[in-house]
PDB file of N, CA and C in Angstrom:
ATOM      1  N   UNK A   1     -24.977  -7.383  24.795  1.00  0.00           N
ATOM      2  CA  UNK A   1     -23.877  -7.574  23.871  1.00  0.00           C
ATOM      3  C   UNK A   1     -23.840  -6.368  22.942  1.00  0.00           C
ATOM      4  N   UNK A   2     -22.688  -5.664  22.889  1.00  0.00           N
ATOM      5  CA  UNK A   2     -22.612  -4.506  22.000  1.00  0.00           C
ATOM      6  C   UNK A   2     -22.626  -4.924  20.540  1.00  0.00           C
ATOM      7  N   UNK A   3     -23.284  -4.132  19.742  1.00  0.00           N
ATOM      8  CA  UNK A   3     -23.358  -4.425  18.314  1.00  0.00           C
ATOM      9  C   UNK A   3     -22.263  -3.738  17.542  1.00  0.00           C
ATOM     10  N   UNK A   4     -22.071  -4.170  16.332  1.00  0.00           N
ATOM     11  CA  UNK A   4     -21.095  -3.552  15.444  1.00  0.00           C
ATOM     12  C   UNK A   4     -21.726  -2.326  14.803  1.00  0.00           C
ATOM     13  N   UNK A   5     -20.913  -1.284  14.546  1.00  0.00           N
ATOM     14  CA  UNK A   5     -21.479  -0.121  13.868  1.00  0.00           C
ATOM     15  C   UNK A   5     -21.915  -0.494  12.455  1.00  0.00           C
ATOM     16  N   UNK A   6     -23.005   0.098  12.032  1.00  0.00           N
ATOM     17  CA  UNK A   6     -23.545  -0.196  10.710  1.00  0.00           C
ATOM     18  C   UNK A   6     -23.125   0.906   9.763  1.00  0.00           C
ATOM     19  N   UNK A   7     -22.612   0.504   8.617  1.00  0.00           N
ATOM     20  CA  UNK A   7     -22.269   1.465   7.570  1.00  0.00           C
ATOM     21  C   UNK A   7     -23.011   1.052   6.312  1.00  0.00           C
ATOM     22  N   UNK A   8     -23.634   2.021   5.699  1.00  0.00           N
ATOM     23  CA  UNK A   8     -24.364   1.742   4.478  1.00  0.00           C
ATOM     24  C   UNK A   8     -23.504   2.101   3.287  1.00  0.00           C
ATOM     25  N   UNK A   9     -23.366   1.185   2.367  1.00  0.00           N
ATOM     26  CA  UNK A   9     -22.561   1.425   1.180  1.00  0.00           C
ATOM     27  C   UNK A   9     -21.088   1.216   1.462  1.00  0.00           C
ATOM     28  N   UNK A  10     -20.348   1.000   0.419  1.00  0.00           N
ATOM     29  CA  UNK A  10     -18.903   0.807   0.558  1.00  0.00           C
ATOM     30  C   UNK A  10     -18.225   2.163   0.659  1.00  0.00           C
ATOM     31  N   UNK A  11     -17.292   2.300   1.594  1.00  0.00           N
ATOM     32  CA  UNK A  11     -16.597   3.593   1.695  1.00  0.00           C
ATOM     33  C   UNK A  11     -15.731   3.840   0.474  1.00  0.00           C
ATOM     34  N   UNK A  12     -15.656   5.098   0.094  1.00  0.00           N
ATOM     35  CA  UNK A  12     -14.801   5.492  -1.020  1.00  0.00           C
ATOM     36  C   UNK A  12     -13.350   5.379  -0.549  1.00  0.00           C
ATOM     37  N   UNK A  13     -12.516   4.594  -1.252  1.00  0.00           N
ATOM     38  CA  UNK A  13     -11.125   4.417  -0.813  1.00  0.00           C
ATOM     39  C   UNK A  13     -10.359   5.722  -0.679  1.00  0.00           C
ATOM     40  N   UNK A  14     -10.743   6.731  -1.432  1.00  0.00           N
ATOM     41  CA  UNK A  14     -10.043   8.002  -1.357  1.00  0.00           C
ATOM     42  C   UNK A  14     -10.449   8.853  -0.166  1.00  0.00           C
ATOM     43  N   UNK A  15     -11.568   8.520   0.474  1.00  0.00           N
ATOM     44  CA  UNK A  15     -12.071   9.304   1.597  1.00  0.00           C
ATOM     45  C   UNK A  15     -11.726   8.634   2.917  1.00  0.00           C
ATOM     46  N   UNK A  16     -10.841   9.237   3.719  1.00  0.00           N
ATOM     47  CA  UNK A  16     -10.487   8.620   5.002  1.00  0.00           C
ATOM     48  C   UNK A  16     -11.579   8.820   6.051  1.00  0.00           C
ATOM     49  N   UNK A  17     -11.607   7.921   7.007  1.00  0.00           N
ATOM     50  CA  UNK A  17     -12.445   8.061   8.187  1.00  0.00           C
ATOM     51  C   UNK A  17     -11.553   8.746   9.216  1.00  0.00           C
ATOM     52  N   UNK A  18     -11.975   9.893   9.707  1.00  0.00           N
ATOM     53  CA  UNK A  18     -11.136  10.709  10.589  1.00  0.00           C
ATOM     54  C   UNK A  18     -11.724  10.698  12.001  1.00  0.00           C
ATOM     55  N   UNK A  19     -10.852  10.425  12.974  1.00  0.00           N
ATOM     56  CA  UNK A  19     -11.247  10.462  14.380  1.00  0.00           C
ATOM     57  C   UNK A  19     -10.228  11.269  15.157  1.00  0.00           C
ATOM     58  N   UNK A  20     -10.727  12.047  16.112  1.00  0.00           N
ATOM     59  CA  UNK A  20      -9.825  12.816  16.967  1.00  0.00           C
ATOM     60  C   UNK A  20      -9.355  11.947  18.115  1.00  0.00           C
ATOM     61  N   UNK A  21      -8.081  12.097  18.447  1.00  0.00           N
ATOM     62  CA  UNK A  21      -7.484  11.438  19.595  1.00  0.00           C
ATOM     63  C   UNK A  21      -7.280  12.492  20.677  1.00  0.00           C
ATOM     64  N   UNK A  22      -6.956  12.083  21.898  1.00  0.00           N
ATOM     65  CA  UNK A  22      -6.668  13.080  22.932  1.00  0.00           C
ATOM     66  C   UNK A  22      -5.516  13.990  22.502  1.00  0.00           C
ATOM     67  N   UNK A  23      -5.591  15.273  22.896  1.00  0.00           N
ATOM     68  CA  UNK A  23      -4.536  16.212  22.532  1.00  0.00           C
ATOM     69  C   UNK A  23      -3.217  15.795  23.177  1.00  0.00           C
ATOM     70  N   UNK A  24      -2.165  16.269  22.572  1.00  0.00           N
ATOM     71  CA  UNK A  24      -0.815  15.928  22.997  1.00  0.00           C
ATOM     72  C   UNK A  24      -0.130  17.211  23.463  1.00  0.00           C
ATOM     73  N   UNK A  25       0.543  17.150  24.594  1.00  0.00           N
ATOM     74  CA  UNK A  25       1.256  18.321  25.102  1.00  0.00           C
ATOM     75  C   UNK A  25       2.733  18.184  24.749  1.00  0.00           C
ATOM     76  N   UNK A  26       3.227  19.121  23.924  1.00  0.00           N
ATOM     77  CA  UNK A  26       4.622  19.100  23.486  1.00  0.00           C
ATOM     78  C   UNK A  26       5.215  20.495  23.699  1.00  0.00           C
ATOM     79  N   UNK A  27       6.211  20.566  24.551  1.00  0.00           N
ATOM     80  CA  UNK A  27       6.889  21.839  24.789  1.00  0.00           C
ATOM     81  C   UNK A  27       5.966  22.952  25.231  1.00  0.00           C
ATOM     82  N   UNK A  28       4.998  22.652  26.082  1.00  0.00           N
ATOM     83  CA  UNK A  28       4.062  23.656  26.569  1.00  0.00           C
ATOM     84  C   UNK A  28       2.949  23.994  25.592  1.00  0.00           C
ATOM     85  N   UNK A  29       2.896  23.328  24.468  1.00  0.00           N
ATOM     86  CA  UNK A  29       1.886  23.585  23.441  1.00  0.00           C
ATOM     87  C   UNK A  29       0.946  22.386  23.330  1.00  0.00           C
ATOM     88  N   UNK A  30      -0.351  22.661  23.233  1.00  0.00           N
ATOM     89  CA  UNK A  30      -1.339  21.617  23.007  1.00  0.00           C
ATOM     90  C   UNK A  30      -1.424  21.351  21.503  1.00  0.00           C
ATOM     91  N   UNK A  31      -1.244  20.099  21.118  1.00  0.00           N
ATOM     92  CA  UNK A  31      -1.273  19.730  19.708  1.00  0.00           C
ATOM     93  C   UNK A  31      -2.462  18.801  19.481  1.00  0.00           C
ATOM     94  N   UNK A  32      -3.319  19.161  18.538  1.00  0.00           N
ATOM     95  CA  UNK A  32      -4.437  18.302  18.174  1.00  0.00           C
ATOM     96  C   UNK A  32      -3.903  17.082  17.431  1.00  0.00           C
ATOM     97  N   UNK A  33      -4.487  15.925  17.711  1.00  0.00           N
ATOM     98  CA  UNK A  33      -4.064  14.686  17.064  1.00  0.00           C
ATOM     99  C   UNK A  33      -5.297  14.013  16.483  1.00  0.00           C
ATOM    100  N   UNK A  34      -5.193  13.643  15.213  1.00  0.00           N
ATOM    101  CA  UNK A  34      -6.265  12.901  14.541  1.00  0.00           C
ATOM    102  C   UNK A  34      -5.655  11.684  13.871  1.00  0.00           C
ATOM    103  N   UNK A  35      -6.465  10.684  13.693  1.00  0.00           N
ATOM    104  CA  UNK A  35      -6.036   9.529  12.922  1.00  0.00           C
ATOM    105  C   UNK A  35      -6.960   9.438  11.714  1.00  0.00           C
ATOM    106  N   UNK A  36      -6.361   9.228  10.550  1.00  0.00           N
ATOM    107  CA  UNK A  36      -7.111   9.052   9.302  1.00  0.00           C
ATOM    108  C   UNK A  36      -6.939   7.600   8.877  1.00  0.00           C
ATOM    109  N   UNK A  37      -8.048   6.892   8.775  1.00  0.00           N
ATOM    110  CA  UNK A  37      -8.031   5.486   8.376  1.00  0.00           C
ATOM    111  C   UNK A  37      -8.807   5.377   7.075  1.00  0.00           C
ATOM    112  N   UNK A  38      -8.235   4.649   6.121  1.00  0.00           N
ATOM    113  CA  UNK A  38      -8.913   4.486   4.828  1.00  0.00           C
ATOM    114  C   UNK A  38      -8.659   3.091   4.294  1.00  0.00           C
ATOM    115  N   UNK A  39      -9.529   2.678   3.434  1.00  0.00           N
ATOM    116  CA  UNK A  39      -9.343   1.407   2.752  1.00  0.00           C
ATOM    117  C   UNK A  39      -8.649   1.691   1.434  1.00  0.00           C
ATOM    118  N   UNK A  40      -7.490   1.080   1.243  1.00  0.00           N
ATOM    119  CA  UNK A  40      -6.698   1.302   0.035  1.00  0.00           C
ATOM    120  C   UNK A  40      -7.269   0.492  -1.126  1.00  0.00           C
ATOM    121  N   UNK A  41      -6.819   0.811  -2.312  1.00  0.00           N
ATOM    122  CA  UNK A  41      -7.306   0.127  -3.511  1.00  0.00           C
ATOM    123  C   UNK A  41      -7.002  -1.363  -3.508  1.00  0.00           C
ATOM    124  N   UNK A  42      -5.927  -1.760  -2.790  1.00  0.00           N
ATOM    125  CA  UNK A  42      -5.590  -3.184  -2.731  1.00  0.00           C
ATOM    126  C   UNK A  42      -6.412  -3.943  -1.688  1.00  0.00           C
ATOM    127  N   UNK A  43      -7.320  -3.259  -0.995  1.00  0.00           N
ATOM    128  CA  UNK A  43      -8.194  -3.891  -0.019  1.00  0.00           C
ATOM    129  C   UNK A  43      -7.694  -3.815   1.410  1.00  0.00           C
ATOM    130  N   UNK A  44      -6.431  -3.439   1.616  1.00  0.00           N
ATOM    131  CA  UNK A  44      -5.887  -3.319   2.969  1.00  0.00           C
ATOM    132  C   UNK A  44      -6.352  -2.001   3.587  1.00  0.00           C
ATOM    133  N   UNK A  45      -6.379  -1.974   4.901  1.00  0.00           N
ATOM    134  CA  UNK A  45      -6.701  -0.757   5.633  1.00  0.00           C
ATOM    135  C   UNK A  45      -5.407  -0.088   6.049  1.00  0.00           C
ATOM    136  N   UNK A  46      -5.337   1.230   5.856  1.00  0.00           N
ATOM    137  CA  UNK A  46      -4.137   1.982   6.192  1.00  0.00           C
ATOM    138  C   UNK A  46      -4.521   3.217   6.994  1.00  0.00           C
ATOM    139  N   UNK A  47      -3.603   3.645   7.844  1.00  0.00           N
ATOM    140  CA  UNK A  47      -3.886   4.810   8.657  1.00  0.00           C
ATOM    141  C   UNK A  47      -2.646   5.645   8.892  1.00  0.00           C
ATOM    142  N   UNK A  48      -2.874   6.905   9.215  1.00  0.00           N
ATOM    143  CA  UNK A  48      -1.785   7.825   9.512  1.00  0.00           C
ATOM    144  C   UNK A  48      -2.245   8.786  10.590  1.00  0.00           C
ATOM    145  N   UNK A  49      -1.283   9.386  11.275  1.00  0.00           N
ATOM    146  CA  UNK A  49      -1.573  10.396  12.279  1.00  0.00           C
ATOM    147  C   UNK A  49      -1.408  11.777  11.669  1.00  0.00           C
ATOM    148  N   UNK A  50      -2.312  12.677  12.025  1.00  0.00           N
ATOM    149  CA  UNK A  50      -2.245  14.069  11.578  1.00  0.00           C
ATOM    150  C   UNK A  50      -2.192  14.938  12.833  1.00  0.00           C
ATOM    151  N   UNK A  51      -1.183  15.799  12.908  1.00  0.00           N
ATOM    152  CA  UNK A  51      -0.987  16.684  14.047  1.00  0.00           C
ATOM    153  C   UNK A  51      -1.299  18.109  13.619  1.00  0.00           C
ATOM    154  N   UNK A  52      -2.141  18.786  14.373  1.00  0.00           N
ATOM    155  CA  UNK A  52      -2.445  20.182  14.080  1.00  0.00           C
ATOM    156  C   UNK A  52      -3.899  20.350  13.701  1.00  0.00           C
ATOM    157  N   UNK A  53      -4.319  21.511  13.328  1.00  0.00           N
ATOM    158  CA  UNK A  53      -3.486  22.645  12.950  1.00  0.00           C
ATOM    159  C   UNK A  53      -2.814  23.274  14.171  1.00  0.00           C
ATOM    160  N   UNK A  54      -1.609  23.755  13.938  1.00  0.00           N
ATOM    161  CA  UNK A  54      -0.819  24.388  14.976  1.00  0.00           C
ATOM    162  C   UNK A  54      -1.133  25.877  15.019  1.00  0.00           C
ATOM    163  N   UNK A  55      -0.464  26.603  15.907  1.00  0.00           N
ATOM    164  CA  UNK A  55      -0.706  28.037  16.054  1.00  0.00           C
ATOM    165  C   UNK A  55      -0.506  28.779  14.735  1.00  0.00           C
ATOM    166  N   UNK A  56       0.434  28.294  13.891  1.00  0.00           N
ATOM    167  CA  UNK A  56       0.686  28.954  12.608  1.00  0.00           C
ATOM    168  C   UNK A  56      -0.206  28.416  11.490  1.00  0.00           C
ATOM    169  N   UNK A  57      -1.135  27.534  11.827  1.00  0.00           N
ATOM    170  CA  UNK A  57      -2.065  26.990  10.843  1.00  0.00           C
ATOM    171  C   UNK A  57      -1.560  25.768  10.103  1.00  0.00           C
ATOM    172  N   UNK A  58      -0.314  25.362  10.360  1.00  0.00           N
ATOM    173  CA  UNK A  58       0.275  24.215   9.659  1.00  0.00           C
ATOM    174  C   UNK A  58      -0.222  22.891  10.255  1.00  0.00           C
ATOM    175  N   UNK A  59      -0.215  21.871   9.433  1.00  0.00           N
ATOM    176  CA  UNK A  59      -0.497  20.504   9.867  1.00  0.00           C
ATOM    177  C   UNK A  59       0.689  19.637   9.476  1.00  0.00           C
ATOM    178  N   UNK A  60       0.937  18.623  10.270  1.00  0.00           N
ATOM    179  CA  UNK A  60       1.981  17.656   9.978  1.00  0.00           C
ATOM    180  C   UNK A  60       1.350  16.275  10.016  1.00  0.00           C
ATOM    181  N   UNK A  61       1.726  15.417   9.079  1.00  0.00           N
ATOM    182  CA  UNK A  61       1.155  14.075   9.023  1.00  0.00           C
ATOM    183  C   UNK A  61       2.247  13.049   8.797  1.00  0.00           C
ATOM    184  N   UNK A  62       2.035  11.875   9.361  1.00  0.00           N
ATOM    185  CA  UNK A  62       2.948  10.766   9.119  1.00  0.00           C
ATOM    186  C   UNK A  62       2.581  10.122   7.788  1.00  0.00           C
ATOM    187  N   UNK A  63       3.412   9.233   7.344  1.00  0.00           N
ATOM    188  CA  UNK A  63       3.048   8.380   6.213  1.00  0.00           C
ATOM    189  C   UNK A  63       2.012   7.382   6.736  1.00  0.00           C
ATOM    190  N   UNK A  64       1.550   6.491   5.898  1.00  0.00           N
ATOM    191  CA  UNK A  64       0.622   5.444   6.336  1.00  0.00           C
ATOM    192  C   UNK A  64       1.400   4.426   7.160  1.00  0.00           C
ATOM    193  N   UNK A  65       1.512   4.688   8.464  1.00  0.00           N
ATOM    194  CA  UNK A  65       2.319   3.829   9.331  1.00  0.00           C
ATOM    195  C   UNK A  65       1.513   2.699   9.951  1.00  0.00           C
ATOM    196  N   UNK A  66       0.194   2.752   9.820  1.00  0.00           N
ATOM    197  CA  UNK A  66      -0.660   1.687  10.336  1.00  0.00           C
ATOM    198  C   UNK A  66      -1.236   0.923   9.153  1.00  0.00           C
ATOM    199  N   UNK A  67      -1.238  -0.392   9.253  1.00  0.00           N
ATOM    200  CA  UNK A  67      -1.740  -1.209   8.160  1.00  0.00           C
ATOM    201  C   UNK A  67      -2.353  -2.483   8.743  1.00  0.00           C
ATOM    202  N   UNK A  68      -3.449  -2.925   8.164  1.00  0.00           N
ATOM    203  CA  UNK A  68      -4.076  -4.156   8.613  1.00  0.00           C
ATOM    204  C   UNK A  68      -5.025  -4.695   7.564  1.00  0.00           C
ATOM    205  N   UNK A  69      -5.389  -5.946   7.725  1.00  0.00           N
ATOM    206  CA  UNK A  69      -6.342  -6.557   6.807  1.00  0.00           C
ATOM    207  C   UNK A  69      -7.760  -6.073   7.078  1.00  0.00           C
ATOM    208  N   UNK A  70      -8.000  -5.632   8.323  1.00  0.00           N
ATOM    209  CA  UNK A  70      -9.315  -5.109   8.693  1.00  0.00           C
ATOM    210  C   UNK A  70      -9.145  -3.752   9.359  1.00  0.00           C
ATOM    211  N   UNK A  71     -10.224  -3.013   9.405  1.00  0.00           N
ATOM    212  CA  UNK A  71     -10.211  -1.713  10.075  1.00  0.00           C
ATOM    213  C   UNK A  71      -9.927  -1.899  11.573  1.00  0.00           C
ATOM    214  N   UNK A  72     -10.428  -2.974  12.146  1.00  0.00           N
ATOM    215  CA  UNK A  72     -10.207  -3.261  13.566  1.00  0.00           C
ATOM    216  C   UNK A  72      -8.718  -3.435  13.866  1.00  0.00           C
ATOM    217  N   UNK A  73      -7.978  -4.100  12.996  1.00  0.00           N
ATOM    218  CA  UNK A  73      -6.535  -4.278  13.202  1.00  0.00           C
ATOM    219  C   UNK A  73      -5.816  -2.931  13.235  1.00  0.00           C
ATOM    220  N   UNK A  74      -6.223  -2.023  12.383  1.00  0.00           N
ATOM    221  CA  UNK A  74      -5.600  -0.699  12.365  1.00  0.00           C
ATOM    222  C   UNK A  74      -5.910   0.029  13.666  1.00  0.00           C
ATOM    223  N   UNK A  75      -7.166  -0.025  14.125  1.00  0.00           N
ATOM    224  CA  UNK A  75      -7.543   0.650  15.358  1.00  0.00           C
ATOM    225  C   UNK A  75      -6.830   0.057  16.565  1.00  0.00           C
ATOM    226  N   UNK A  76      -6.583  -1.244  16.571  1.00  0.00           N
ATOM    227  CA  UNK A  76      -5.831  -1.856  17.669  1.00  0.00           C
ATOM    228  C   UNK A  76      -4.408  -1.314  17.710  1.00  0.00           C
ATOM    229  N   UNK A  77      -3.801  -1.131  16.554  1.00  0.00           N
ATOM    230  CA  UNK A  77      -2.443  -0.569  16.498  1.00  0.00           C
ATOM    231  C   UNK A  77      -2.431   0.878  16.987  1.00  0.00           C
ATOM    232  N   UNK A  78      -3.428   1.652  16.611  1.00  0.00           N
ATOM    233  CA  UNK A  78      -3.517   3.045  17.058  1.00  0.00           C
ATOM    234  C   UNK A  78      -3.720   3.080  18.571  1.00  0.00           C
ATOM    235  N   UNK A  79      -4.582   2.239  19.071  1.00  0.00           N
ATOM    236  CA  UNK A  79      -4.880   2.203  20.506  1.00  0.00           C
ATOM    237  C   UNK A  79      -3.637   1.848  21.321  1.00  0.00           C
ATOM    238  N   UNK A  80      -2.785   0.978  20.773  1.00  0.00           N
ATOM    239  CA  UNK A  80      -1.585   0.547  21.487  1.00  0.00           C
ATOM    240  C   UNK A  80      -0.458   1.583  21.469  1.00  0.00           C
ATOM    241  N   UNK A  81      -0.593   2.624  20.667  1.00  0.00           N
ATOM    242  CA  UNK A  81       0.434   3.659  20.572  1.00  0.00           C
ATOM    243  C   UNK A  81       0.339   4.566  21.801  1.00  0.00           C
ATOM    244  N   UNK A  82       1.405   4.681  22.534  1.00  0.00           N
ATOM    245  CA  UNK A  82       1.419   5.478  23.768  1.00  0.00           C
ATOM    246  C   UNK A  82       1.766   6.939  23.477  1.00  0.00           C
ATOM    247  N   UNK A  83       1.500   7.804  24.473  1.00  0.00           N
ATOM    248  CA  UNK A  83       1.745   9.241  24.317  1.00  0.00           C
ATOM    249  C   UNK A  83       3.179   9.556  23.928  1.00  0.00           C
ATOM    250  N   UNK A  84       4.136   8.879  24.558  1.00  0.00           N
ATOM    251  CA  UNK A  84       5.531   9.197  24.247  1.00  0.00           C
ATOM    252  C   UNK A  84       5.882   8.810  22.807  1.00  0.00           C
ATOM    253  N   UNK A  85       5.224   7.790  22.250  1.00  0.00           N
ATOM    254  CA  UNK A  85       5.439   7.447  20.841  1.00  0.00           C
ATOM    255  C   UNK A  85       4.850   8.533  19.934  1.00  0.00           C
ATOM    256  N   UNK A  86       3.654   8.988  20.274  1.00  0.00           N
ATOM    257  CA  UNK A  86       3.046  10.061  19.485  1.00  0.00           C
ATOM    258  C   UNK A  86       3.909  11.318  19.533  1.00  0.00           C
ATOM    259  N   UNK A  87       4.416  11.643  20.719  1.00  0.00           N
ATOM    260  CA  UNK A  87       5.265  12.819  20.874  1.00  0.00           C
ATOM    261  C   UNK A  87       6.520  12.701  20.016  1.00  0.00           C
ATOM    262  N   UNK A  88       7.141  11.526  20.011  1.00  0.00           N
ATOM    263  CA  UNK A  88       8.336  11.305  19.184  1.00  0.00           C
ATOM    264  C   UNK A  88       8.020  11.402  17.695  1.00  0.00           C
ATOM    265  N   UNK A  89       6.889  10.845  17.281  1.00  0.00           N
ATOM    266  CA  UNK A  89       6.484  10.954  15.871  1.00  0.00           C
ATOM    267  C   UNK A  89       6.278  12.415  15.489  1.00  0.00           C
ATOM    268  N   UNK A  90       5.600  13.158  16.365  1.00  0.00           N
ATOM    269  CA  UNK A  90       5.359  14.565  16.091  1.00  0.00           C
ATOM    270  C   UNK A  90       6.684  15.323  15.949  1.00  0.00           C
ATOM    271  N   UNK A  91       7.573  15.122  16.893  1.00  0.00           N
ATOM    272  CA  UNK A  91       8.867  15.810  16.837  1.00  0.00           C
ATOM    273  C   UNK A  91       9.648  15.455  15.580  1.00  0.00           C
ATOM    274  N   UNK A  92       9.565  14.198  15.152  1.00  0.00           N
ATOM    275  CA  UNK A  92      10.340  13.769  13.991  1.00  0.00           C
ATOM    276  C   UNK A  92       9.865  14.405  12.682  1.00  0.00           C
ATOM    277  N   UNK A  93       8.588  14.751  12.605  1.00  0.00           N
ATOM    278  CA  UNK A  93       8.082  15.347  11.358  1.00  0.00           C
ATOM    279  C   UNK A  93       7.894  16.854  11.448  1.00  0.00           C
ATOM    280  N   UNK A  94       7.896  17.403  12.661  1.00  0.00           N
ATOM    281  CA  UNK A  94       7.668  18.856  12.825  1.00  0.00           C
ATOM    282  C   UNK A  94       8.951  19.657  12.762  1.00  0.00           C
ATOM    283  N   UNK A  95      10.074  19.005  12.946  1.00  0.00           N
ATOM    284  CA  UNK A  95      11.343  19.757  12.969  1.00  0.00           C
ATOM    285  C   UNK A  95      11.996  19.802  11.621  1.00  0.00           C
TER     286      UNK A  95
END
């Protein structure tokens, strides 16, 4: 039976937990994709996608589009997001 990850101490709400997702191919360019998940001051978990850095060094990020009562709920929403959704989100904020 797999165990739950152990974290010591309460995470600082201002410090997101950052994980890399598989890269995204958009218009012949490889775009790095990360998800930042943090616990907000109201106790809810929120997350956003960060794209880049790009060739010009810029990064693009969504608003906190993922929200859940637990960190697991946020990760389930991220996991359910398909490549074409990520590509559309990237295009909507990069243009």
